PDB file of N, CA and C in Angstrom:
ATOM      1  N   MET A   1       2.346 -19.514  21.103  1.00  0.00           N
ATOM      2  CA  MET A   1       1.620 -18.257  21.586  1.00  0.00           C
ATOM      3  C   MET A   1       1.586 -17.318  21.377  1.00  0.00           C
ATOM      4  N   SER A   2       1.113 -16.443  21.901  1.00  0.00           N
ATOM      5  CA  SER A   2       0.953 -14.793  21.529  1.00  0.00           C
ATOM      6  C   SER A   2       1.846 -14.280  22.925  1.00  0.00           C
ATOM      7  N   SER A   3       2.873 -13.480  22.073  1.00  0.00           N
ATOM      8  CA  SER A   3       3.595 -12.939  23.514  1.00  0.00           C
ATOM      9  C   SER A   3       3.050 -11.481  24.524  1.00  0.00           C
ATOM     10  N   GLN A   4       1.702 -11.195  23.569  1.00  0.00           N
ATOM     11  CA  GLN A   4       0.716 -10.543  24.483  1.00  0.00           C
ATOM     12  C   GLN A   4      -0.245 -11.269  25.387  1.00  0.00           C
ATOM     13  N   PRO A   5      -0.227 -10.806  26.718  1.00  0.00           N
ATOM     14  CA  PRO A   5      -1.414 -11.285  27.250  1.00  0.00           C
ATOM     15  C   PRO A   5      -3.188 -11.192  26.455  1.00  0.00           C
ATOM     16  N   LEU A   6      -3.923 -12.202  27.220  1.00  0.00           N
ATOM     17  CA  LEU A   6      -5.075 -11.689  26.300  1.00  0.00           C
ATOM     18  C   LEU A   6      -5.981 -10.938  27.158  1.00  0.00           C
ATOM     19  N   LEU A   7      -5.326 -10.653  28.041  1.00  0.00           N
ATOM     20  CA  LEU A   7      -6.523  -9.267  28.618  1.00  0.00           C
ATOM     21  C   LEU A   7      -5.305  -7.928  28.676  1.00  0.00           C
ATOM     22  N   GLN A   8      -5.789  -6.692  27.919  1.00  0.00           N
ATOM     23  CA  GLN A   8      -5.263  -6.056  27.974  1.00  0.00           C
ATOM     24  C   GLN A   8      -5.692  -5.126  28.916  1.00  0.00           C
ATOM     25  N   SER A   9      -5.029  -4.305  29.137  1.00  0.00           N
ATOM     26  CA  SER A   9      -5.843  -2.729  29.625  1.00  0.00           C
ATOM     27  C   SER A   9      -5.581  -1.719  28.767  1.00  0.00           C
ATOM     28  N   ALA A  10      -6.046  -0.428  28.400  1.00  0.00           N
ATOM     29  CA  ALA A  10      -6.437   0.354  27.858  1.00  0.00           C
ATOM     30  C   ALA A  10      -5.535   1.344  28.711  1.00  0.00           C
ATOM     31  N   PRO A  11      -4.939   2.092  27.484  1.00  0.00           N
ATOM     32  CA  PRO A  11      -3.932   3.601  28.550  1.00  0.00           C
ATOM     33  C   PRO A  11      -5.225   4.519  29.294  1.00  0.00           C
ATOM     34  N   GLY A  12      -4.929   4.305  30.398  1.00  0.00           N
ATOM     35  CA  GLY A  12      -5.647   5.639  31.040  1.00  0.00           C
ATOM     36  C   GLY A  12      -7.072   4.449  31.425  1.00  0.00           C
ATOM     37  N   LYS A  13      -7.014   3.408  31.329  1.00  0.00           N
ATOM     38  CA  LYS A  13      -8.234   2.364  32.241  1.00  0.00           C
ATOM     39  C   LYS A  13      -7.653   1.485  33.150  1.00  0.00           C
ATOM     40  N   ARG A  14      -8.537   1.144  33.792  1.00  0.00           N
ATOM     41  CA  ARG A  14      -8.010   0.328  35.021  1.00  0.00           C
ATOM     42  C   ARG A  14      -8.774  -1.436  34.741  1.00  0.00           C
ATOM     43  N   ILE A  15      -9.592  -1.380  34.004  1.00  0.00           N
ATOM     44  CA  ILE A  15     -10.472  -2.486  33.260  1.00  0.00           C
ATOM     45  C   ILE A  15      -9.425  -3.531  32.231  1.00  0.00           C
ATOM     46  N   ALA A  16      -8.946  -4.444  32.579  1.00  0.00           N
ATOM     47  CA  ALA A  16      -8.514  -4.801  31.238  1.00  0.00           C
ATOM     48  C   ALA A  16      -9.234  -5.707  30.484  1.00  0.00           C
ATOM     49  N   LEU A  17      -9.498  -5.583  29.110  1.00  0.00           N
ATOM     50  CA  LEU A  17     -10.494  -5.969  28.341  1.00  0.00           C
ATOM     51  C   LEU A  17      -9.863  -7.261  27.217  1.00  0.00           C
ATOM     52  N   PRO A  18     -10.515  -8.109  26.761  1.00  0.00           N
ATOM     53  CA  PRO A  18      -9.902  -8.754  26.151  1.00  0.00           C
ATOM     54  C   PRO A  18      -9.603  -8.781  24.503  1.00  0.00           C
ATOM     55  N   THR A  19      -8.735  -8.754  23.953  1.00  0.00           N
ATOM     56  CA  THR A  19      -7.905  -7.926  22.818  1.00  0.00           C
ATOM     57  C   THR A  19      -8.869  -9.110  21.486  1.00  0.00           C
ATOM     58  N   ARG A  20      -9.387  -8.854  20.696  1.00  0.00           N
ATOM     59  CA  ARG A  20     -10.398  -9.546  19.434  1.00  0.00           C
ATOM     60  C   ARG A  20      -9.360  -8.650  18.131  1.00  0.00           C
ATOM     61  N   VAL A  21      -9.411  -9.952  17.431  1.00  0.00           N
ATOM     62  CA  VAL A  21      -9.389  -9.646  16.021  1.00  0.00           C
ATOM     63  C   VAL A  21     -10.327 -10.169  15.476  1.00  0.00           C
ATOM     64  N   GLU A  22     -10.649  -9.384  14.317  1.00  0.00           N
ATOM     65  CA  GLU A  22     -11.732  -9.054  13.691  1.00  0.00           C
ATOM     66  C   GLU A  22     -11.920 -10.458  12.612  1.00  0.00           C
ATOM     67  N   PRO A  23     -13.066 -11.291  12.163  1.00  0.00           N
ATOM     68  CA  PRO A  23     -12.727 -12.074  11.437  1.00  0.00           C
ATOM     69  C   PRO A  23     -12.693 -11.500   9.752  1.00  0.00           C
ATOM     70  N   LYS A  24     -12.420  -9.967   9.150  1.00  0.00           N
ATOM     71  CA  LYS A  24     -12.406  -9.963   8.430  1.00  0.00           C
ATOM     72  C   LYS A  24     -11.118  -9.407   8.049  1.00  0.00           C
ATOM     73  N   VAL A  25     -10.062  -9.651   9.183  1.00  0.00           N
ATOM     74  CA  VAL A  25      -8.836  -9.197   8.713  1.00  0.00           C
ATOM     75  C   VAL A  25      -7.996 -11.029   8.023  1.00  0.00           C
ATOM     76  N   PHE A  26      -8.913 -11.961   8.664  1.00  0.00           N
ATOM     77  CA  PHE A  26      -8.140 -13.350   8.232  1.00  0.00           C
ATOM     78  C   PHE A  26      -8.832 -13.825   6.796  1.00  0.00           C
ATOM     79  N   PHE A  27     -10.137 -13.175   6.588  1.00  0.00           N
ATOM     80  CA  PHE A  27     -10.444 -12.804   5.013  1.00  0.00           C
ATOM     81  C   PHE A  27      -9.936 -12.107   4.423  1.00  0.00           C
ATOM     82  N   ALA A  28      -9.365 -11.163   4.442  1.00  0.00           N
ATOM     83  CA  ALA A  28      -8.393 -10.221   3.901  1.00  0.00           C
ATOM     84  C   ALA A  28      -7.394 -11.108   3.509  1.00  0.00           C
ATOM     85  N   ASN A  29      -6.599 -11.664   4.429  1.00  0.00           N
ATOM     86  CA  ASN A  29      -5.500 -12.440   4.230  1.00  0.00           C
ATOM     87  C   ASN A  29      -5.838 -13.828   3.237  1.00  0.00           C
ATOM     88  N   GLU A  30      -6.615 -14.122   3.224  1.00  0.00           N
ATOM     89  CA  GLU A  30      -6.945 -15.159   2.106  1.00  0.00           C
ATOM     90  C   GLU A  30      -7.292 -14.263   0.959  1.00  0.00           C
ATOM     91  N   ARG A  31      -8.061 -13.682   0.900  1.00  0.00           N
ATOM     92  CA  ARG A  31      -8.617 -13.173  -0.512  1.00  0.00           C
ATOM     93  C   ARG A  31      -7.113 -12.481  -1.023  1.00  0.00           C
ATOM     94  N   THR A  32      -6.223 -11.958  -0.372  1.00  0.00           N
ATOM     95  CA  THR A  32      -4.827 -11.501  -0.901  1.00  0.00           C
ATOM     96  C   THR A  32      -4.377 -12.502  -1.938  1.00  0.00           C
ATOM     97  N   PHE A  33      -4.562 -13.849  -1.044  1.00  0.00           N
ATOM     98  CA  PHE A  33      -3.687 -15.175  -1.240  1.00  0.00           C
ATOM     99  C   PHE A  33      -4.061 -15.645  -2.388  1.00  0.00           C
ATOM    100  N   LEU A  34      -5.627 -15.832  -2.587  1.00  0.00           N
ATOM    101  CA  LEU A  34      -5.925 -16.055  -4.109  1.00  0.00           C
ATOM    102  C   LEU A  34      -5.901 -15.218  -5.264  1.00  0.00           C
ATOM    103  N   SER A  35      -5.746 -14.120  -4.854  1.00  0.00           N
ATOM    104  CA  SER A  35      -5.599 -13.057  -6.184  1.00  0.00           C
ATOM    105  C   SER A  35      -4.134 -13.239  -6.488  1.00  0.00           C
ATOM    106  N   TYR A  36      -3.093 -13.676  -5.425  1.00  0.00           N
ATOM    107  CA  TYR A  36      -1.914 -13.798  -6.455  1.00  0.00           C
ATOM    108  C   TYR A  36      -1.974 -15.159  -7.007  1.00  0.00           C
ATOM    109  N   LEU A  37      -2.899 -16.336  -6.205  1.00  0.00           N
ATOM    110  CA  LEU A  37      -2.905 -17.508  -7.187  1.00  0.00           C
ATOM    111  C   LEU A  37      -3.734 -17.466  -8.562  1.00  0.00           C
ATOM    112  N   ASN A  38      -4.391 -16.429  -8.606  1.00  0.00           N
ATOM    113  CA  ASN A  38      -5.241 -16.293  -9.620  1.00  0.00           C
ATOM    114  C   ASN A  38      -4.392 -15.570 -10.892  1.00  0.00           C
ATOM    115  N   PHE A  39      -3.485 -14.947 -10.310  1.00  0.00           N
ATOM    116  CA  PHE A  39      -2.375 -14.197 -11.481  1.00  0.00           C
ATOM    117  C   PHE A  39      -1.880 -15.407 -11.830  1.00  0.00           C
ATOM    118  N   THR A  40      -1.123 -16.337 -10.973  1.00  0.00           N
ATOM    119  CA  THR A  40      -0.102 -17.307 -11.063  1.00  0.00           C
ATOM    120  C   THR A  40      -1.025 -18.629 -12.069  1.00  0.00           C
ATOM    121  N   VAL A  41      -1.846 -18.775 -11.978  1.00  0.00           N
ATOM    122  CA  VAL A  41      -2.984 -19.720 -13.042  1.00  0.00           C
ATOM    123  C   VAL A  41      -2.799 -18.884 -14.406  1.00  0.00           C
ATOM    124  N   LEU A  42      -3.000 -17.628 -14.530  1.00  0.00           N
ATOM    125  CA  LEU A  42      -3.475 -17.134 -15.764  1.00  0.00           C
ATOM    126  C   LEU A  42      -1.851 -16.872 -16.314  1.00  0.00           C
ATOM    127  N   LEU A  43      -0.965 -16.518 -15.425  1.00  0.00           N
ATOM    128  CA  LEU A  43       0.355 -16.670 -16.359  1.00  0.00           C
ATOM    129  C   LEU A  43       0.948 -18.092 -16.455  1.00  0.00           C
ATOM    130  N   GLY A  44       0.857 -19.058 -16.204  1.00  0.00           N
ATOM    131  CA  GLY A  44       0.975 -20.648 -16.085  1.00  0.00           C
ATOM    132  C   GLY A  44       0.269 -20.912 -17.430  1.00  0.00           C
ATOM    133  N   GLY A  45      -1.100 -20.068 -17.514  1.00  0.00           N
ATOM    134  CA  GLY A  45      -1.521 -20.752 -18.863  1.00  0.00           C
ATOM    135  C   GLY A  45      -1.537 -19.947 -19.949  1.00  0.00           C
ATOM    136  N   LEU A  46      -0.744 -18.714 -20.191  1.00  0.00           N
ATOM    137  CA  LEU A  46       0.025 -17.935 -20.884  1.00  0.00           C
ATOM    138  C   LEU A  46       1.421 -18.952 -21.421  1.00  0.00           C
ATOM    139  N   ALA A  47       1.998 -19.348 -20.225  1.00  0.00           N
ATOM    140  CA  ALA A  47       3.033 -20.253 -20.412  1.00  0.00           C
ATOM    141  C   ALA A  47       2.825 -21.565 -21.570  1.00  0.00           C
ATOM    142  N   ILE A  48       1.748 -22.094 -20.721  1.00  0.00           N
ATOM    143  CA  ILE A  48       1.213 -23.182 -21.599  1.00  0.00           C
ATOM    144  C   ILE A  48       1.026 -23.076 -23.121  1.00  0.00           C
ATOM    145  N   GLY A  49       0.388 -21.827 -23.362  1.00  0.00           N
ATOM    146  CA  GLY A  49       0.015 -21.693 -24.817  1.00  0.00           C
ATOM    147  C   GLY A  49       1.428 -21.286 -25.623  1.00  0.00           C
ATOM    148  N   LEU A  50       2.298 -20.696 -24.997  1.00  0.00           N
ATOM    149  CA  LEU A  50       3.437 -20.598 -25.445  1.00  0.00           C
ATOM    150  C   LEU A  50       4.340 -21.801 -25.784  1.00  0.00           C
ATOM    151  N   LEU A  51       4.018 -22.481 -24.746  1.00  0.00           N
ATOM    152  CA  LEU A  51       4.929 -23.964 -25.187  1.00  0.00           C
ATOM    153  C   LEU A  51       4.491 -24.798 -26.184  1.00  0.00           C
ATOM    154  N   ASN A  52       2.907 -24.801 -25.960  1.00  0.00           N
ATOM    155  CA  ASN A  52       2.387 -25.570 -27.061  1.00  0.00           C
ATOM    156  C   ASN A  52       2.239 -25.018 -28.461  1.00  0.00           C
ATOM    157  N   PHE A  53       2.159 -23.831 -28.594  1.00  0.00           N
ATOM    158  CA  PHE A  53       2.015 -23.448 -30.231  1.00  0.00           C
ATOM    159  C   PHE A  53       2.820 -22.394 -30.416  1.00  0.00           C
ATOM    160  N   GLY A  54       4.197 -22.800 -29.736  1.00  0.00           N
ATOM    161  CA  GLY A  54       5.087 -21.406 -29.718  1.00  0.00           C
ATOM    162  C   GLY A  54       6.508 -22.505 -30.792  1.00  0.00           C
ATOM    163  N   ASP A  55       7.398 -21.379 -30.959  1.00  0.00           N
ATOM    164  CA  ASP A  55       8.437 -22.081 -31.560  1.00  0.00           C
ATOM    165  C   ASP A  55       9.697 -22.200 -30.335  1.00  0.00           C
ATOM    166  N   SER A  56      10.587 -22.228 -30.934  1.00  0.00           N
ATOM    167  CA  SER A  56      11.926 -22.298 -29.985  1.00  0.00           C
ATOM    168  C   SER A  56      11.899 -21.062 -29.132  1.00  0.00           C
ATOM    169  N   ILE A  57      11.876 -19.781 -29.496  1.00  0.00           N
ATOM    170  CA  ILE A  57      12.001 -18.659 -28.599  1.00  0.00           C
ATOM    171  C   ILE A  57      10.062 -18.634 -27.377  1.00  0.00           C
ATOM    172  N   GLY A  58       9.427 -19.215 -28.375  1.00  0.00           N
ATOM    173  CA  GLY A  58       8.346 -19.044 -27.180  1.00  0.00           C
ATOM    174  C   GLY A  58       8.494 -20.138 -26.357  1.00  0.00           C
ATOM    175  N   ARG A  59       9.309 -20.994 -26.370  1.00  0.00           N
ATOM    176  CA  ARG A  59       9.557 -22.283 -25.184  1.00  0.00           C
ATOM    177  C   ARG A  59      10.518 -21.566 -24.359  1.00  0.00           C
ATOM    178  N   ILE A  60      11.390 -21.015 -24.644  1.00  0.00           N
ATOM    179  CA  ILE A  60      12.722 -20.088 -23.815  1.00  0.00           C
ATOM    180  C   ILE A  60      11.611 -19.274 -22.652  1.00  0.00           C
ATOM    181  N   SER A  61      10.727 -18.686 -23.773  1.00  0.00           N
ATOM    182  CA  SER A  61       9.576 -17.343 -22.806  1.00  0.00           C
ATOM    183  C   SER A  61       8.637 -18.039 -22.120  1.00  0.00           C
ATOM    184  N   ALA A  62       8.181 -19.666 -22.440  1.00  0.00           N
ATOM    185  CA  ALA A  62       7.368 -20.113 -21.712  1.00  0.00           C
ATOM    186  C   ALA A  62       8.184 -20.995 -20.407  1.00  0.00           C
ATOM    187  N   GLY A  63       9.310 -20.931 -20.688  1.00  0.00           N
ATOM    188  CA  GLY A  63      10.086 -21.661 -19.523  1.00  0.00           C
ATOM    189  C   GLY A  63      10.233 -20.507 -18.159  1.00  0.00           C
ATOM    190  N   LEU A  64      10.373 -19.201 -18.593  1.00  0.00           N
ATOM    191  CA  LEU A  64      10.550 -17.511 -18.401  1.00  0.00           C
ATOM    192  C   LEU A  64       9.433 -17.446 -17.649  1.00  0.00           C
ATOM    193  N   PHE A  65       8.131 -17.538 -18.519  1.00  0.00           N
ATOM    194  CA  PHE A  65       6.781 -17.202 -16.912  1.00  0.00           C
ATOM    195  C   PHE A  65       6.495 -18.591 -16.192  1.00  0.00           C
ATOM    196  N   THR A  66       7.129 -19.615 -16.633  1.00  0.00           N
ATOM    197  CA  THR A  66       6.725 -20.469 -15.712  1.00  0.00           C
ATOM    198  C   THR A  66       7.839 -20.531 -14.446  1.00  0.00           C
ATOM    199  N   ALA A  67       8.827 -20.459 -14.810  1.00  0.00           N
ATOM    200  CA  ALA A  67       9.406 -19.621 -13.411  1.00  0.00           C
ATOM    201  C   ALA A  67       9.096 -18.704 -12.730  1.00  0.00           C
ATOM    202  N   VAL A  68       8.178 -17.187 -13.540  1.00  0.00           N
ATOM    203  CA  VAL A  68       7.959 -16.227 -12.612  1.00  0.00           C
ATOM    204  C   VAL A  68       6.581 -16.683 -11.768  1.00  0.00           C
ATOM    205  N   ALA A  69       5.938 -17.524 -12.317  1.00  0.00           N
ATOM    206  CA  ALA A  69       4.677 -18.017 -11.846  1.00  0.00           C
ATOM    207  C   ALA A  69       5.143 -18.876 -10.618  1.00  0.00           C
ATOM    208  N   MET A  70       6.191 -19.759 -10.873  1.00  0.00           N
ATOM    209  CA  MET A  70       6.351 -20.430  -9.410  1.00  0.00           C
ATOM    210  C   MET A  70       7.037 -19.638  -8.659  1.00  0.00           C
ATOM    211  N   ALA A  71       7.852 -18.702  -9.254  1.00  0.00           N
ATOM    212  CA  ALA A  71       7.977 -17.931  -7.816  1.00  0.00           C
ATOM    213  C   ALA A  71       6.887 -16.959  -7.230  1.00  0.00           C
ATOM    214  N   THR A  72       5.987 -16.450  -7.401  1.00  0.00           N
ATOM    215  CA  THR A  72       5.018 -15.736  -7.250  1.00  0.00           C
ATOM    216  C   THR A  72       4.318 -16.536  -6.203  1.00  0.00           C
ATOM    217  N   MET A  73       3.735 -18.069  -6.809  1.00  0.00           N
ATOM    218  CA  MET A  73       3.178 -18.820  -5.642  1.00  0.00           C
ATOM    219  C   MET A  73       3.752 -19.078  -4.296  1.00  0.00           C
ATOM    220  N   VAL A  74       5.299 -19.213  -4.480  1.00  0.00           N
ATOM    221  CA  VAL A  74       5.980 -19.614  -3.353  1.00  0.00           C
ATOM    222  C   VAL A  74       5.888 -18.013  -2.504  1.00  0.00           C
ATOM    223  N   TYR A  75       6.284 -16.835  -3.194  1.00  0.00           N
ATOM    224  CA  TYR A  75       6.208 -15.528  -2.661  1.00  0.00           C
ATOM    225  C   TYR A  75       4.359 -15.697  -1.771  1.00  0.00           C
ATOM    226  N   ALA A  76       3.734 -15.833  -2.665  1.00  0.00           N
ATOM    227  CA  ALA A  76       2.306 -15.688  -2.103  1.00  0.00           C
ATOM    228  C   ALA A  76       1.991 -16.772  -0.395  1.00  0.00           C
ATOM    229  N   LEU A  77       2.308 -18.139  -0.473  1.00  0.00           N
ATOM    230  CA  LEU A  77       2.364 -19.127   0.128  1.00  0.00           C
ATOM    231  C   LEU A  77       2.958 -18.537   1.530  1.00  0.00           C
ATOM    232  N   VAL A  78       4.079 -18.027   1.517  1.00  0.00           N
ATOM    233  CA  VAL A  78       5.132 -17.152   2.174  1.00  0.00           C
ATOM    234  C   VAL A  78       4.451 -16.079   2.923  1.00  0.00           C
ATOM    235  N   THR A  79       4.209 -15.295   2.027  1.00  0.00           N
ATOM    236  CA  THR A  79       3.520 -13.654   2.579  1.00  0.00           C
ATOM    237  C   THR A  79       2.233 -14.441   3.320  1.00  0.00           C
ATOM    238  N   PHE A  80       1.014 -15.283   2.970  1.00  0.00           N
ATOM    239  CA  PHE A  80       0.121 -15.542   3.483  1.00  0.00           C
ATOM    240  C   PHE A  80       0.478 -16.364   4.927  1.00  0.00           C
ATOM    241  N   HIS A  81       1.485 -17.356   5.102  1.00  0.00           N
ATOM    242  CA  HIS A  81       1.527 -17.635   6.184  1.00  0.00           C
ATOM    243  C   HIS A  81       2.101 -16.611   6.932  1.00  0.00           C
ATOM    244  N   TRP A  82       3.284 -15.832   6.838  1.00  0.00           N
ATOM    245  CA  TRP A  82       3.724 -14.359   7.610  1.00  0.00           C
ATOM    246  C   TRP A  82       2.305 -14.041   8.501  1.00  0.00           C
ATOM    247  N   ARG A  83       1.572 -13.382   7.419  1.00  0.00           N
ATOM    248  CA  ARG A  83       0.511 -12.376   7.482  1.00  0.00           C
ATOM    249  C   ARG A  83      -0.480 -13.408   8.708  1.00  0.00           C
ATOM    250  N   ALA A  84      -0.460 -14.274   8.511  1.00  0.00           N
ATOM    251  CA  ALA A  84      -1.427 -15.151   9.412  1.00  0.00           C
ATOM    252  C   ALA A  84      -1.106 -15.583  10.769  1.00  0.00           C
ATOM    253  N   ARG A  85       0.330 -15.582  10.841  1.00  0.00           N
ATOM    254  CA  ARG A  85       1.192 -15.624  12.259  1.00  0.00           C
ATOM    255  C   ARG A  85       0.802 -14.205  12.743  1.00  0.00           C
ATOM    256  N   SER A  86       1.153 -13.187  11.965  1.00  0.00           N
ATOM    257  CA  SER A  86       1.296 -12.128  12.729  1.00  0.00           C
ATOM    258  C   SER A  86      -0.302 -12.044  13.302  1.00  0.00           C
ATOM    259  N   ILE A  87      -1.023 -11.652  12.434  1.00  0.00           N
ATOM    260  CA  ILE A  87      -2.504 -11.583  12.871  1.00  0.00           C
ATOM    261  C   ILE A  87      -2.946 -12.405  14.051  1.00  0.00           C
ATOM    262  N   ARG A  88      -2.264 -13.759  13.945  1.00  0.00           N
ATOM    263  CA  ARG A  88      -2.699 -14.832  15.396  1.00  0.00           C
ATOM    264  C   ARG A  88      -2.161 -13.877  16.306  1.00  0.00           C
ATOM    265  N   MET A  89      -0.872 -13.650  16.553  1.00  0.00           N
ATOM    266  CA  MET A  89      -0.264 -13.242  17.421  1.00  0.00           C
ATOM    267  C   MET A  89      -0.641 -11.378  18.092  1.00  0.00           C
ATOM    268  N   ARG A  90      -1.583 -11.032  17.052  1.00  0.00           N
ATOM    269  CA  ARG A  90      -2.006  -9.890  17.575  1.00  0.00           C
ATOM    270  C   ARG A  90      -1.167  -8.977  17.637  1.00  0.00           C
ATOM    271  N   GLY A  91       0.086  -9.077  16.013  1.00  0.00           N
ATOM    272  CA  GLY A  91       0.760  -7.959  15.985  1.00  0.00           C
ATOM    273  C   GLY A  91      -0.026  -6.680  15.209  1.00  0.00           C
ATOM    274  N   GLN A  92       0.880  -5.444  15.905  1.00  0.00           N
ATOM    275  CA  GLN A  92       0.386  -4.410  15.727  1.00  0.00           C
ATOM    276  C   GLN A  92       1.030  -3.426  14.659  1.00  0.00           C
ATOM    277  N   GLY A  93       1.981  -4.366  13.963  1.00  0.00           N
ATOM    278  CA  GLY A  93       2.724  -3.490  13.014  1.00  0.00           C
ATOM    279  C   GLY A  93       1.873  -3.526  11.361  1.00  0.00           C
ATOM    280  N   GLY A  94       2.739  -3.182  10.501  1.00  0.00           N
ATOM    281  CA  GLY A  94       1.927  -3.407   9.481  1.00  0.00           C
ATOM    282  C   GLY A  94       1.830  -4.608   8.613  1.00  0.00           C
ATOM    283  N   PHE A  95       1.000  -4.881   7.531  1.00  0.00           N
ATOM    284  CA  PHE A  95       1.219  -6.524   7.271  1.00  0.00           C
ATOM    285  C   PHE A  95       1.639  -6.020   5.772  1.00  0.00           C
ATOM    286  N   ASP A  96       2.304  -4.965   5.271  1.00  0.00           N
ATOM    287  CA  ASP A  96       2.529  -4.894   3.709  1.00  0.00           C
ATOM    288  C   ASP A  96       3.754  -5.259   3.839  1.00  0.00           C
ATOM    289  N   ASP A  97       3.911  -5.340   2.288  1.00  0.00           N
ATOM    290  CA  ASP A  97       5.345  -5.804   2.060  1.00  0.00           C
ATOM    291  C   ASP A  97       5.913  -4.773   0.513  1.00  0.00           C
ATOM    292  N   ARG A  98       6.708  -3.941   0.960  1.00  0.00           N
ATOM    293  CA  ARG A  98       6.792  -3.393  -0.500  1.00  0.00           C
ATOM    294  C   ARG A  98       7.984  -4.146  -1.387  1.00  0.00           C
ATOM    295  N   VAL A  99       8.462  -5.072  -0.971  1.00  0.00           N
ATOM    296  CA  VAL A  99      10.037  -5.107  -1.879  1.00  0.00           C
ATOM    297  C   VAL A  99       9.563  -6.649  -2.691  1.00  0.00           C
ATOM    298  N   GLY A 100       8.359  -7.832  -2.077  1.00  0.00           N
ATOM    299  CA  GLY A 100       8.353  -8.701  -2.859  1.00  0.00           C
ATOM    300  C   GLY A 100       7.551  -8.487  -4.410  1.00  0.00           C
ATOM    301  N   PRO A 101       6.292  -7.809  -4.361  1.00  0.00           N
ATOM    302  CA  PRO A 101       5.354  -7.493  -5.810  1.00  0.00           C
ATOM    303  C   PRO A 101       6.699  -6.653  -6.398  1.00  0.00           C
ATOM    304  N   THR A 102       7.549  -6.111  -5.895  1.00  0.00           N
ATOM    305  CA  THR A 102       8.320  -4.968  -6.533  1.00  0.00           C
ATOM    306  C   THR A 102       9.096  -5.862  -7.381  1.00  0.00           C
ATOM    307  N   VAL A 103       9.363  -6.869  -6.564  1.00  0.00           N
ATOM    308  CA  VAL A 103      10.781  -8.143  -7.952  1.00  0.00           C
ATOM    309  C   VAL A 103       9.956  -8.961  -8.275  1.00  0.00           C
ATOM    310  N   LEU A 104       8.945  -9.355  -7.977  1.00  0.00           N
ATOM    311  CA  LEU A 104       8.096  -9.867  -8.879  1.00  0.00           C
ATOM    312  C   LEU A 104       7.667  -9.325 -10.199  1.00  0.00           C
ATOM    313  N   CYS A 105       7.084  -7.723 -10.192  1.00  0.00           N
ATOM    314  CA  CYS A 105       6.877  -7.011 -11.488  1.00  0.00           C
ATOM    315  C   CYS A 105       8.055  -7.102 -12.154  1.00  0.00           C
ATOM    316  N   LEU A 106       9.374  -6.636 -11.610  1.00  0.00           N
ATOM    317  CA  LEU A 106      10.687  -6.443 -12.166  1.00  0.00           C
ATOM    318  C   LEU A 106      11.063  -7.846 -13.421  1.00  0.00           C
ATOM    319  N   CYS A 107      10.360  -9.319 -12.863  1.00  0.00           N
ATOM    320  CA  CYS A 107      11.104 -10.229 -13.099  1.00  0.00           C
ATOM    321  C   CYS A 107      10.325 -10.978 -14.210  1.00  0.00           C
ATOM    322  N   LEU A 108       8.950 -10.438 -14.166  1.00  0.00           N
ATOM    323  CA  LEU A 108       7.903 -10.419 -15.150  1.00  0.00           C
ATOM    324  C   LEU A 108       8.025  -9.517 -15.913  1.00  0.00           C
ATOM    325  N   GLY A 109       8.477  -8.155 -15.732  1.00  0.00           N
ATOM    326  CA  GLY A 109       8.837  -7.360 -16.782  1.00  0.00           C
ATOM    327  C   GLY A 109      10.346  -7.805 -18.215  1.00  0.00           C
ATOM    328  N   ALA A 110      11.111  -8.714 -16.766  1.00  0.00           N
ATOM    329  CA  ALA A 110      12.344  -9.149 -17.780  1.00  0.00           C
ATOM    330  C   ALA A 110      12.163 -10.234 -18.417  1.00  0.00           C
ATOM    331  N   ALA A 111      11.230 -10.931 -18.156  1.00  0.00           N
ATOM    332  CA  ALA A 111      10.570 -11.749 -18.976  1.00  0.00           C
ATOM    333  C   ALA A 111      10.188 -11.866 -20.563  1.00  0.00           C
ATOM    334  N   VAL A 112       9.048 -10.768 -20.226  1.00  0.00           N
ATOM    335  CA  VAL A 112       8.470  -9.892 -21.569  1.00  0.00           C
ATOM    336  C   VAL A 112       9.142  -9.461 -22.225  1.00  0.00           C
ATOM    337  N   GLY A 113      10.851  -8.577 -21.213  1.00  0.00           N
ATOM    338  CA  GLY A 113      11.940  -8.022 -22.297  1.00  0.00           C
ATOM    339  C   GLY A 113      12.237  -9.426 -22.708  1.00  0.00           C
ATOM    340  N   VAL A 114      12.765 -10.188 -22.458  1.00  0.00           N
ATOM    341  CA  VAL A 114      13.394 -11.270 -22.961  1.00  0.00           C
ATOM    342  C   VAL A 114      12.748 -11.860 -24.299  1.00  0.00           C
ATOM    343  N   ASN A 115      11.494 -12.218 -24.379  1.00  0.00           N
ATOM    344  CA  ASN A 115      10.667 -12.734 -25.453  1.00  0.00           C
ATOM    345  C   ASN A 115      10.696 -11.574 -26.210  1.00  0.00           C
ATOM    346  N   PHE A 116      10.583 -10.293 -26.408  1.00  0.00           N
ATOM    347  CA  PHE A 116      10.796  -9.273 -27.299  1.00  0.00           C
ATOM    348  C   PHE A 116      12.236  -9.279 -27.910  1.00  0.00           C
ATOM    349  N   VAL A 117      13.175  -9.226 -27.174  1.00  0.00           N
ATOM    350  CA  VAL A 117      14.410  -9.148 -27.703  1.00  0.00           C
ATOM    351  C   VAL A 117      14.817 -10.289 -28.492  1.00  0.00           C
ATOM    352  N   LEU A 118      14.110 -11.436 -28.048  1.00  0.00           N
ATOM    353  CA  LEU A 118      14.224 -12.438 -28.577  1.00  0.00           C
ATOM    354  C   LEU A 118      13.456 -12.729 -30.189  1.00  0.00           C
ATOM    355  N   ARG A 119      12.430 -12.082 -30.299  1.00  0.00           N
ATOM    356  CA  ARG A 119      12.073 -12.282 -31.655  1.00  0.00           C
ATOM    357  C   ARG A 119      12.222 -11.208 -32.203  1.00  0.00           C
ATOM    358  N   ALA A 120      13.254 -10.099 -31.796  1.00  0.00           N
ATOM    359  CA  ALA A 120      13.731  -8.926 -32.486  1.00  0.00           C
ATOM    360  C   ALA A 120      15.030  -9.790 -33.195  1.00  0.00           C
ATOM    361  N   VAL A 121      15.558 -10.154 -32.525  1.00  0.00           N
ATOM    362  CA  VAL A 121      17.013 -11.092 -33.099  1.00  0.00           C
ATOM    363  C   VAL A 121      16.472 -11.863 -34.131  1.00  0.00           C
ATOM    364  N   GLY A 122      15.746 -12.661 -33.450  1.00  0.00           N
ATOM    365  CA  GLY A 122      15.791 -13.665 -34.501  1.00  0.00           C
ATOM    366  C   GLY A 122      14.857 -13.998 -35.226  1.00  0.00           C
TER     367      GLY A 122
END
């Protein structure tokens, strides 16, 4: 359960009021999760296209794009559950993550870079 009591008094007030989490906060978390999953579906479709219609370099790139898509799915699921738990416990901290999207973008850039390098060399 929550580490904070359900009834809290505001600073300078004597009356304790129940704290309420707006439903739009939960929906925003779900919307972000679905946005990440939409991206992974598009990236997976790109990987399947490269796998079916590409040569050996396309297969290597398809494997890299599939790995990035799967890593994005795992990241989205972990972040969704972390934010949902924080919202349920009425956490007052920020729900943003600066490291995860940066790492995912770097991995995607590396996969595209490997594709370009393999095409230029081969």
